[in-house]
C-alpha atoms as a PDB file:
ATOM      1  CA  UNK A   1       0.013   0.050   0.011  1.00  0.00           C
ATOM      2  CA  UNK A   2       2.727   2.456   0.953  1.00  0.00           C
ATOM      3  CA  UNK A   3       4.702   1.944  -2.256  1.00  0.00           C
ATOM      4  CA  UNK A   4       1.410   2.284  -4.342  1.00  0.00           C
ATOM      5  CA  UNK A   5       0.355   5.392  -2.684  1.00  0.00           C
ATOM      6  CA  UNK A   6       3.900   7.007  -3.296  1.00  0.00           C
ATOM      7  CA  UNK A   7       3.479   6.022  -7.026  1.00  0.00           C
ATOM      8  CA  UNK A   8       0.026   7.651  -7.099  1.00  0.00           C
ATOM      9  CA  UNK A   9       1.154  10.796  -5.484  1.00  0.00           C
ATOM     10  CA  UNK A  10       4.088  11.208  -7.807  1.00  0.00           C
ATOM     11  CA  UNK A  11       2.102  10.471 -10.812  1.00  0.00           C
ATOM     12  CA  UNK A  12      -0.546  13.035  -9.990  1.00  0.00           C
ATOM     13  CA  UNK A  13       1.882  15.582  -8.637  1.00  0.00           C
ATOM     14  CA  UNK A  14       2.510  17.013 -12.181  1.00  0.00           C
ATOM     15  CA  UNK A  15      -0.882  16.522 -13.603  1.00  0.00           C
ATOM     16  CA  UNK A  16      -3.278  19.452 -13.906  1.00  0.00           C
ATOM     17  CA  UNK A  17      -7.009  18.612 -13.774  1.00  0.00           C
ATOM     18  CA  UNK A  18      -9.435  20.954 -15.541  1.00  0.00           C
ATOM     19  CA  UNK A  19     -13.195  21.347 -15.359  1.00  0.00           C
ATOM     20  CA  UNK A  20     -15.412  23.276 -17.752  1.00  0.00           C
ATOM     21  CA  UNK A  21     -17.010  26.553 -16.546  1.00  0.00           C
ATOM     22  CA  UNK A  22     -20.337  24.866 -16.423  1.00  0.00           C
ATOM     23  CA  UNK A  23     -19.213  22.699 -13.412  1.00  0.00           C
ATOM     24  CA  UNK A  24     -18.645  25.817 -11.437  1.00  0.00           C
ATOM     25  CA  UNK A  25     -21.749  27.878 -12.491  1.00  0.00           C
ATOM     26  CA  UNK A  26     -23.860  28.788  -9.626  1.00  0.00           C
ATOM     27  CA  UNK A  27     -21.595  27.438  -6.981  1.00  0.00           C
ATOM     28  CA  UNK A  28     -20.503  29.228  -3.793  1.00  0.00           C
ATOM     29  CA  UNK A  29     -17.032  30.057  -3.087  1.00  0.00           C
ATOM     30  CA  UNK A  30     -16.719  27.275  -0.492  1.00  0.00           C
ATOM     31  CA  UNK A  31     -18.337  24.736  -3.023  1.00  0.00           C
ATOM     32  CA  UNK A  32     -15.836  25.954  -5.793  1.00  0.00           C
ATOM     33  CA  UNK A  33     -12.931  25.547  -3.354  1.00  0.00           C
ATOM     34  CA  UNK A  34     -14.147  22.015  -2.375  1.00  0.00           C
ATOM     35  CA  UNK A  35     -14.485  20.857  -5.960  1.00  0.00           C
ATOM     36  CA  UNK A  36     -11.097  22.183  -6.897  1.00  0.00           C
ATOM     37  CA  UNK A  37      -9.560  20.281  -4.062  1.00  0.00           C
ATOM     38  CA  UNK A  38     -11.477  17.224  -4.885  1.00  0.00           C
ATOM     39  CA  UNK A  39     -10.317  17.203  -8.565  1.00  0.00           C
ATOM     40  CA  UNK A  40      -6.772  17.603  -7.394  1.00  0.00           C
ATOM     41  CA  UNK A  41      -7.010  14.914  -4.680  1.00  0.00           C
ATOM     42  CA  UNK A  42      -4.536  12.015  -5.489  1.00  0.00           C
ATOM     43  CA  UNK A  43      -6.661   9.565  -3.235  1.00  0.00           C
ATOM     44  CA  UNK A  44      -9.773  10.386  -5.176  1.00  0.00           C
ATOM     45  CA  UNK A  45      -7.987   9.496  -8.468  1.00  0.00           C
ATOM     46  CA  UNK A  46      -6.437   6.395  -6.809  1.00  0.00           C
ATOM     47  CA  UNK A  47      -9.815   5.175  -5.634  1.00  0.00           C
ATOM     48  CA  UNK A  48     -11.046   5.224  -9.262  1.00  0.00           C
ATOM     49  CA  UNK A  49      -7.868   3.368 -10.398  1.00  0.00           C
ATOM     50  CA  UNK A  50      -8.390   0.736  -7.746  1.00  0.00           C
ATOM     51  CA  UNK A  51     -12.222   0.689  -8.192  1.00  0.00           C
ATOM     52  CA  UNK A  52     -12.924   1.586  -4.610  1.00  0.00           C
ATOM     53  CA  UNK A  53     -16.169   3.493  -4.152  1.00  0.00           C
ATOM     54  CA  UNK A  54     -14.482   6.502  -2.345  1.00  0.00           C
ATOM     55  CA  UNK A  55     -11.268   7.754  -1.094  1.00  0.00           C
ATOM     56  CA  UNK A  56     -11.964   6.564   2.427  1.00  0.00           C
ATOM     57  CA  UNK A  57     -10.980   3.044   1.496  1.00  0.00           C
ATOM     58  CA  UNK A  58      -7.294   4.091   1.823  1.00  0.00           C
ATOM     59  CA  UNK A  59      -7.819   5.142   5.425  1.00  0.00           C
ATOM     60  CA  UNK A  60      -8.736   1.609   6.323  1.00  0.00           C
ATOM     61  CA  UNK A  61      -6.212   0.139   4.160  1.00  0.00           C
ATOM     62  CA  UNK A  62      -3.462   2.149   5.936  1.00  0.00           C
ATOM     63  CA  UNK A  63      -4.746   1.237   9.427  1.00  0.00           C
ATOM     64  CA  UNK A  64      -4.915  -2.450   8.409  1.00  0.00           C
ATOM     65  CA  UNK A  65      -1.445  -2.418   6.917  1.00  0.00           C
ATOM     66  CA  UNK A  66       0.006  -1.050  10.110  1.00  0.00           C
ATOM     67  CA  UNK A  67      -2.150  -2.945  12.800  1.00  0.00           C
ATOM     68  CA  UNK A  68      -3.457  -6.027  10.933  1.00  0.00           C
ATOM     69  CA  UNK A  69      -6.994  -5.683  12.269  1.00  0.00           C
ATOM     70  CA  UNK A  70      -8.480  -7.474   9.327  1.00  0.00           C
ATOM     71  CA  UNK A  71      -7.688 -11.212   8.560  1.00  0.00           C
ATOM     72  CA  UNK A  72      -9.290 -14.025   6.683  1.00  0.00           C
ATOM     73  CA  UNK A  73     -12.169 -15.459   8.639  1.00  0.00           C
ATOM     74  CA  UNK A  74     -13.096 -12.622  10.727  1.00  0.00           C
ATOM     75  CA  UNK A  75     -16.634 -11.223  11.159  1.00  0.00           C
ATOM     76  CA  UNK A  76     -16.767  -7.533  10.493  1.00  0.00           C
ATOM     77  CA  UNK A  77     -19.708  -5.108  11.325  1.00  0.00           C
ATOM     78  CA  UNK A  78     -19.357  -1.891   9.244  1.00  0.00           C
ATOM     79  CA  UNK A  79     -21.358   1.003  10.653  1.00  0.00           C
ATOM     80  CA  UNK A  80     -21.969   3.921   8.506  1.00  0.00           C
ATOM     81  CA  UNK A  81     -20.925   1.847   5.521  1.00  0.00           C
ATOM     82  CA  UNK A  82     -22.360   3.920   2.689  1.00  0.00           C
ATOM     83  CA  UNK A  83     -21.180   3.999  -0.101  1.00  0.00           C
ATOM     84  CA  UNK A  84     -19.348   0.853   0.684  1.00  0.00           C
ATOM     85  CA  UNK A  85     -15.641   1.508   0.448  1.00  0.00           C
ATOM     86  CA  UNK A  86     -14.725   0.163   3.920  1.00  0.00           C
ATOM     87  CA  UNK A  87     -16.928  -2.909   3.176  1.00  0.00           C
ATOM     88  CA  UNK A  88     -14.858  -3.329  -0.065  1.00  0.00           C
ATOM     89  CA  UNK A  89     -11.555  -3.510   1.946  1.00  0.00           C
ATOM     90  CA  UNK A  90     -13.044  -5.774   4.525  1.00  0.00           C
ATOM     91  CA  UNK A  91     -14.426  -8.194   1.950  1.00  0.00           C
ATOM     92  CA  UNK A  92     -11.081  -8.391   0.422  1.00  0.00           C
ATOM     93  CA  UNK A  93      -9.128  -8.791   3.744  1.00  0.00           C
ATOM     94  CA  UNK A  94     -11.452 -11.274   5.586  1.00  0.00           C
ATOM     95  CA  UNK A  95     -12.117 -13.318   2.382  1.00  0.00           C
ATOM     96  CA  UNK A  96     -15.874 -13.053   2.861  1.00  0.00           C
ATOM     97  CA  UNK A  97     -16.434 -13.507  -0.913  1.00  0.00           C
ATOM     98  CA  UNK A  98     -14.364 -16.686  -0.797  1.00  0.00           C
ATOM     99  CA  UNK A  99     -12.019 -15.604  -3.484  1.00  0.00           C
ATOM    100  CA  UNK A 100      -9.044 -17.416  -1.748  1.00  0.00           C
ATOM    101  CA  UNK A 101     -10.203 -21.160  -1.309  1.00  0.00           C
ATOM    102  CA  UNK A 102      -7.159 -21.840   0.842  1.00  0.00           C
ATOM    103  CA  UNK A 103      -8.036 -19.257   3.474  1.00  0.00           C
ATOM    104  CA  UNK A 104     -10.957 -19.110   6.019  1.00  0.00           C
ATOM    105  CA  UNK A 105     -14.081 -17.310   4.885  1.00  0.00           C
ATOM    106  CA  UNK A 106     -15.141 -14.281   6.771  1.00  0.00           C
ATOM    107  CA  UNK A 107     -18.319 -12.198   6.909  1.00  0.00           C
ATOM    108  CA  UNK A 108     -19.087  -8.531   6.371  1.00  0.00           C
ATOM    109  CA  UNK A 109     -22.234  -6.737   7.428  1.00  0.00           C
ATOM    110  CA  UNK A 110     -22.647  -3.150   6.542  1.00  0.00           C
ATOM    111  CA  UNK A 111     -25.385  -0.838   8.093  1.00  0.00           C
ATOM    112  CA  UNK A 112     -26.246   2.692   6.924  1.00  0.00           C
ATOM    113  CA  UNK A 113     -29.147   5.164   6.807  1.00  0.00           C
ATOM    114  CA  UNK A 114     -28.365   5.644   3.125  1.00  0.00           C
ATOM    115  CA  UNK A 115     -28.736   3.252   0.355  1.00  0.00           C
ATOM    116  CA  UNK A 116     -25.619   0.981  -0.419  1.00  0.00           C
ATOM    117  CA  UNK A 117     -25.328  -0.694  -3.810  1.00  0.00           C
ATOM    118  CA  UNK A 118     -24.873  -4.519  -3.590  1.00  0.00           C
ATOM    119  CA  UNK A 119     -21.379  -5.820  -3.042  1.00  0.00           C
ATOM    120  CA  UNK A 120     -20.418  -9.444  -3.501  1.00  0.00           C
ATOM    121  CA  UNK A 121     -19.150 -10.813  -0.235  1.00  0.00           C
ATOM    122  CA  UNK A 122     -21.058  -8.268   1.927  1.00  0.00           C
ATOM    123  CA  UNK A 123     -24.477  -8.138   3.387  1.00  0.00           C
ATOM    124  CA  UNK A 124     -26.215  -4.596   3.860  1.00  0.00           C
ATOM    125  CA  UNK A 125     -28.820  -3.368   6.051  1.00  0.00           C
ATOM    126  CA  UNK A 126     -30.042  -0.155   4.545  1.00  0.00           C
ATOM    127  CA  UNK A 127     -31.709   2.154   5.072  1.00  0.00           C
ATOM    128  CA  UNK A 128     -31.250   1.327   8.679  1.00  0.00           C
ATOM    129  CA  UNK A 129     -30.151   3.057  11.925  1.00  0.00           C
ATOM    130  CA  UNK A 130     -27.631   0.855  13.671  1.00  0.00           C
ATOM    131  CA  UNK A 131     -28.569   2.252  17.072  1.00  0.00           C
ATOM    132  CA  UNK A 132     -32.271   1.327  16.549  1.00  0.00           C
ATOM    133  CA  UNK A 133     -33.284  -1.671  18.643  1.00  0.00           C
ATOM    134  CA  UNK A 134     -34.995  -3.364  15.690  1.00  0.00           C
ATOM    135  CA  UNK A 135     -31.814  -2.923  13.584  1.00  0.00           C
ATOM    136  CA  UNK A 136     -29.678  -4.117  16.530  1.00  0.00           C
ATOM    137  CA  UNK A 137     -31.745  -7.312  16.730  1.00  0.00           C
ATOM    138  CA  UNK A 138     -31.423  -7.816  12.943  1.00  0.00           C
ATOM    139  CA  UNK A 139     -27.690  -7.435  13.230  1.00  0.00           C
ATOM    140  CA  UNK A 140     -27.521 -10.084  15.855  1.00  0.00           C
ATOM    141  CA  UNK A 141     -29.479 -12.459  13.683  1.00  0.00           C
ATOM    142  CA  UNK A 142     -27.208 -11.801  10.731  1.00  0.00           C
ATOM    143  CA  UNK A 143     -23.770 -12.103  12.238  1.00  0.00           C
ATOM    144  CA  UNK A 144     -22.556 -15.616  12.465  1.00  0.00           C
ATOM    145  CA  UNK A 145     -22.807 -16.760  15.947  1.00  0.00           C
ATOM    146  CA  UNK A 146     -24.328 -13.323  16.835  1.00  0.00           C
ATOM    147  CA  UNK A 147     -21.024 -11.899  17.302  1.00  0.00           C
ATOM    148  CA  UNK A 148     -18.484  -9.611  15.327  1.00  0.00           C
ATOM    149  CA  UNK A 149     -14.725  -9.775  15.672  1.00  0.00           C
ATOM    150  CA  UNK A 150     -14.280  -6.240  14.357  1.00  0.00           C
ATOM    151  CA  UNK A 151     -16.473  -3.221  14.627  1.00  0.00           C
ATOM    152  CA  UNK A 152     -15.728  -0.435  12.118  1.00  0.00           C
ATOM    153  CA  UNK A 153     -17.404   2.908  12.245  1.00  0.00           C
ATOM    154  CA  UNK A 154     -16.894   5.713   9.689  1.00  0.00           C
ATOM    155  CA  UNK A 155     -20.269   7.187  10.802  1.00  0.00           C
ATOM    156  CA  UNK A 156     -20.745  10.881  11.048  1.00  0.00           C
ATOM    157  CA  UNK A 157     -23.865  13.015  11.799  1.00  0.00           C
ATOM    158  CA  UNK A 158     -25.061  15.472   9.251  1.00  0.00           C
ATOM    159  CA  UNK A 159     -22.906  18.613   9.842  1.00  0.00           C
ATOM    160  CA  UNK A 160     -24.596  21.675  11.250  1.00  0.00           C
ATOM    161  CA  UNK A 161     -21.542  23.870  10.847  1.00  0.00           C
ATOM    162  CA  UNK A 162     -21.270  24.407  14.521  1.00  0.00           C
ATOM    163  CA  UNK A 163     -18.040  22.545  15.391  1.00  0.00           C
ATOM    164  CA  UNK A 164     -18.767  21.860  19.140  1.00  0.00           C
ATOM    165  CA  UNK A 165     -22.098  20.521  18.353  1.00  0.00           C
ATOM    166  CA  UNK A 166     -20.959  18.354  15.487  1.00  0.00           C
ATOM    167  CA  UNK A 167     -18.166  16.973  17.682  1.00  0.00           C
ATOM    168  CA  UNK A 168     -20.540  16.221  20.648  1.00  0.00           C
ATOM    169  CA  UNK A 169     -22.899  14.334  18.281  1.00  0.00           C
ATOM    170  CA  UNK A 170     -20.250  12.229  16.867  1.00  0.00           C
ATOM    171  CA  UNK A 171     -18.884  11.364  20.234  1.00  0.00           C
ATOM    172  CA  UNK A 172     -22.459  10.389  21.165  1.00  0.00           C
ATOM    173  CA  UNK A 173     -22.707   8.074  18.187  1.00  0.00           C
ATOM    174  CA  UNK A 174     -19.449   6.415  19.044  1.00  0.00           C
ATOM    175  CA  UNK A 175     -20.417   5.904  22.654  1.00  0.00           C
ATOM    176  CA  UNK A 176     -23.775   4.341  21.424  1.00  0.00           C
ATOM    177  CA  UNK A 177     -21.776   1.835  19.523  1.00  0.00           C
ATOM    178  CA  UNK A 178     -19.738   1.049  22.528  1.00  0.00           C
ATOM    179  CA  UNK A 179     -22.879   0.512  24.584  1.00  0.00           C
ATOM    180  CA  UNK A 180     -23.814  -2.130  22.146  1.00  0.00           C
ATOM    181  CA  UNK A 181     -20.395  -3.881  22.081  1.00  0.00           C
ATOM    182  CA  UNK A 182     -20.980  -6.269  25.036  1.00  0.00           C
ATOM    183  CA  UNK A 183     -23.712  -7.954  23.119  1.00  0.00           C
ATOM    184  CA  UNK A 184     -21.939  -7.967  19.646  1.00  0.00           C
ATOM    185  CA  UNK A 185     -18.137  -7.741  19.979  1.00  0.00           C
ATOM    186  CA  UNK A 186     -16.448 -10.898  20.661  1.00  0.00           C
ATOM    187  CA  UNK A 187     -13.827 -11.147  23.558  1.00  0.00           C
ATOM    188  CA  UNK A 188     -10.407  -9.946  22.095  1.00  0.00           C
ATOM    189  CA  UNK A 189     -12.201  -7.993  19.383  1.00  0.00           C
ATOM    190  CA  UNK A 190     -11.283  -4.763  17.655  1.00  0.00           C
ATOM    191  CA  UNK A 191     -13.175  -1.332  17.573  1.00  0.00           C
ATOM    192  CA  UNK A 192     -12.161   1.303  15.027  1.00  0.00           C
ATOM    193  CA  UNK A 193     -14.195   4.538  15.002  1.00  0.00           C
ATOM    194  CA  UNK A 194     -13.989   8.003  13.401  1.00  0.00           C
ATOM    195  CA  UNK A 195     -14.168  11.096  15.659  1.00  0.00           C
ATOM    196  CA  UNK A 196     -13.629  14.808  15.291  1.00  0.00           C
ATOM    197  CA  UNK A 197     -11.101  16.160  17.844  1.00  0.00           C
ATOM    198  CA  UNK A 198     -12.670  18.191  20.527  1.00  0.00           C
ATOM    199  CA  UNK A 199     -13.509  18.670  24.148  1.00  0.00           C
ATOM    200  CA  UNK A 200     -15.464  15.509  24.626  1.00  0.00           C
ATOM    201  CA  UNK A 201     -12.931  13.147  23.072  1.00  0.00           C
ATOM    202  CA  UNK A 202     -11.481  12.160  26.511  1.00  0.00           C
ATOM    203  CA  UNK A 203     -14.925  10.632  27.279  1.00  0.00           C
ATOM    204  CA  UNK A 204     -14.558   8.201  24.442  1.00  0.00           C
ATOM    205  CA  UNK A 205     -10.994   7.553  25.092  1.00  0.00           C
ATOM    206  CA  UNK A 206     -11.742   6.806  28.745  1.00  0.00           C
ATOM    207  CA  UNK A 207     -14.328   4.268  27.863  1.00  0.00           C
ATOM    208  CA  UNK A 208     -12.096   2.567  25.275  1.00  0.00           C
ATOM    209  CA  UNK A 209      -9.179   2.431  27.827  1.00  0.00           C
ATOM    210  CA  UNK A 210     -11.575   0.773  30.290  1.00  0.00           C
ATOM    211  CA  UNK A 211     -12.952  -1.830  28.041  1.00  0.00           C
ATOM    212  CA  UNK A 212     -10.035  -2.720  25.786  1.00  0.00           C
ATOM    213  CA  UNK A 213      -6.489  -3.635  26.441  1.00  0.00           C
ATOM    214  CA  UNK A 214      -4.884  -1.206  23.911  1.00  0.00           C
ATOM    215  CA  UNK A 215      -6.102   2.079  22.543  1.00  0.00           C
ATOM    216  CA  UNK A 216      -4.491   4.447  20.133  1.00  0.00           C
ATOM    217  CA  UNK A 217      -5.402   7.679  18.188  1.00  0.00           C
ATOM    218  CA  UNK A 218      -4.567   7.467  14.359  1.00  0.00           C
ATOM    219  CA  UNK A 219      -4.524  10.144  11.712  1.00  0.00           C
ATOM    220  CA  UNK A 220      -4.293   8.278   8.389  1.00  0.00           C
ATOM    221  CA  UNK A 221      -2.501   9.806   5.609  1.00  0.00           C
ATOM    222  CA  UNK A 222      -5.675   9.814   3.532  1.00  0.00           C
ATOM    223  CA  UNK A 223      -7.260  12.128   6.249  1.00  0.00           C
ATOM    224  CA  UNK A 224      -7.067  15.685   4.953  1.00  0.00           C
ATOM    225  CA  UNK A 225      -4.501  17.662   6.850  1.00  0.00           C
ATOM    226  CA  UNK A 226      -6.855  20.626   7.607  1.00  0.00           C
ATOM    227  CA  UNK A 227      -9.573  18.139   8.970  1.00  0.00           C
ATOM    228  CA  UNK A 228     -10.046  17.559  12.738  1.00  0.00           C
ATOM    229  CA  UNK A 229     -10.783  13.887  11.828  1.00  0.00           C
ATOM    230  CA  UNK A 230      -8.981  11.261  13.769  1.00  0.00           C
ATOM    231  CA  UNK A 231      -9.629   7.546  14.549  1.00  0.00           C
ATOM    232  CA  UNK A 232      -9.637   5.668  17.764  1.00  0.00           C
ATOM    233  CA  UNK A 233      -8.337   2.129  17.448  1.00  0.00           C
ATOM    234  CA  UNK A 234      -8.996  -0.062  20.372  1.00  0.00           C
ATOM    235  CA  UNK A 235      -7.956  -3.803  20.312  1.00  0.00           C
ATOM    236  CA  UNK A 236      -8.314  -6.770  22.724  1.00  0.00           C
ATOM    237  CA  UNK A 237     -11.826  -6.132  23.907  1.00  0.00           C
ATOM    238  CA  UNK A 238     -12.274  -7.605  27.431  1.00  0.00           C
ATOM    239  CA  UNK A 239     -15.653  -6.376  28.591  1.00  0.00           C
ATOM    240  CA  UNK A 240     -18.362  -9.034  27.561  1.00  0.00           C
ATOM    241  CA  UNK A 241     -21.804  -9.902  28.981  1.00  0.00           C
ATOM    242  CA  UNK A 242     -22.047 -13.369  27.545  1.00  0.00           C
ATOM    243  CA  UNK A 243     -25.504 -14.067  26.228  1.00  0.00           C
ATOM    244  CA  UNK A 244     -27.195 -11.093  27.409  1.00  0.00           C
ATOM    245  CA  UNK A 245     -29.318  -9.213  24.797  1.00  0.00           C
ATOM    246  CA  UNK A 246     -31.100  -6.013  24.615  1.00  0.00           C
END
């Protein structure tokens, strides 16, 4: 992955991407800036080359390359899965499509409020709210053995533009997933979630430290430098309630 990304950055460094005036007509200054940056983004272009559904795939690829959280045979719950890029990576790494007959076959379950186009090797619940008790019950039914070895969350609330409010809402989402973990996450399991840095991050970090053996904060290279986005990676889950169900 590292070598590939270096080649991608080098190949696009000297390229100039143009867009017709019609693409910009009627856009605000902020929209114009976003589109210009998007067109220059090497990870956006790399996602197209590698047939990933969006650039966020490279965030998970980098985390997995460094920390080996996805392996053949593992069961993965992908929360906030749309458009499905993380599920694509998970399918490849846990062999849920069975493309490697010599390796164990894993399972990938994605959940999102938005529609997700079908993906071989993945099961999607959409539109569905992963924090809804009815969705929760369906997740338990679909996961083999009613358990996941890895919980991934790239979820984010609709942004209000009020930084502190958006931060608080995202932390609440992550904490809600942690509340579900005793009934879903297998002992020794992994939890990876996106957050926006802010005043309430310590609450999430404290919970993770209490319930997992190892916790670290990660800023993937594919996360834009100006973004407050960071990821909490927690491994070796040790808080588990056995057969208790909500």
